[in-house]
Amino acid sequence: MQLPREIIVGSGTLDLIGKLCRRLGYSDSALVVTGPHTIEIAGRRIIDLLEDDGLRVDHLIIPSKTPTPEDVIRAERKIRELRPQVVIGVGGGAKIDIAKLSSARQEVPFISVPTTASHDGMASPFASVKDGGRPYSMVTKPPACVISDIEIIASAPPRFIRSGCGDLLAKLTAVRDWEIARDDVGEYFGNYAANLARLSATIVMNEAKRIGSLEEEGVRDLVEALISAGIASGIAGSSRPCSGSEHLFSHALDVIAPGKGLHGEKCGIGAVMMAKLQGGDWEAIRKALEEVGAPTRAFDLGLSEDEVVKALLLAPRIRDRYTILNRVKLGAEEAYRLARETGVI
């Protein structure tokens, strides 16, 4: 199991970055990987704080909204050139994933500083990269530390919070898919990691209204649940407890309808449909999404009926992962009926 050494969640925690780096032994140099928007939100402040503590700090701005192999190569080149003691990823999922993967390949420690709470990648040992329009999940290493400043995350557009809720509710169907793979094809199943992922989803089910109202305590619950979900993957040694058929549906939409919807939004909608296929309480998932203000219909994301059906049919071929979609084997008519009966279309 590979897990973060330290996790810091709270208001104003960004100010602890210098103290944290010294405690972890990073007192000489750092490379901040961020974006053109997130450098203004938190990146510049982190650079100033570290420089005030005597560190030599360089930064790399990645403009891409979706991580690509070229972005990772660019970051690796910068790491080889500068040889920092630590790489600090500052931003949403894309910048975190680029920093995570490039630092792991260059064997440099990584600190995760998320500016949104849109999915569980802030603490997981996996990174998602898109190559040729198709997303790939890659094994890396978990961050040495996660610093999550609730003030910054709560000030992001509410849509990111709702996306994070969708990604967490998707753990319910992901764990059930893992159980199905255990029963049907004898895949390893870890009870502890599965229960930790389920607990993360249950937090959203129980606190949906408070999270949806963007209360600070609700946002903190969401962030801690996302971190816990990422740790569940670290314990399992794979993304199994956090990624199942609903994620395959989301990735299929990335191919069929690129740019429509955030990852967690698509996973949430996917979880509604997959829960019905699995015989689970899909209506409870839909209700929780509605309470936090997350989308439950394809129309909400600008998706057509045809795109949803095509994504359902493509999903089981996106990657080699056994899920309910392998057991059921939907045809076009069944896929359409599933989306229609769950209110997705």
Foldseek 3Di string as FASTA:
>chain_A
DFFAQEEAEEAPLLLCLQVVCVVVPQLEEEEEEEAPVQCVLRVVVSVVSNVVSPYHYHYDHDHDPAAAPVLLVVVLVVCVVPVGQEYEFEEAQRSQQSSQASCQVVVHAYEFEYLELQALSSFAQWHWHADPLFIDIDGGHGHNYYHYHLVRHLPPPLQSLLNLLLLLLLLVQLLLFVVVCCVPPNDDHDPVLLVLSVVLNVLLLVCLQVSLVSDSVNSSSSNVSSNSNNVSCVVVVHNRSRDDLQQLLLSLLSRLPNPFDDSSLSSLLSSLLSCVLSVHDSVSSVVSSVSSPRDNACVVRVHDLVSSLSSLQCSPVSDPGGGSCVVPVDDSVRSSVSCVVSRRD
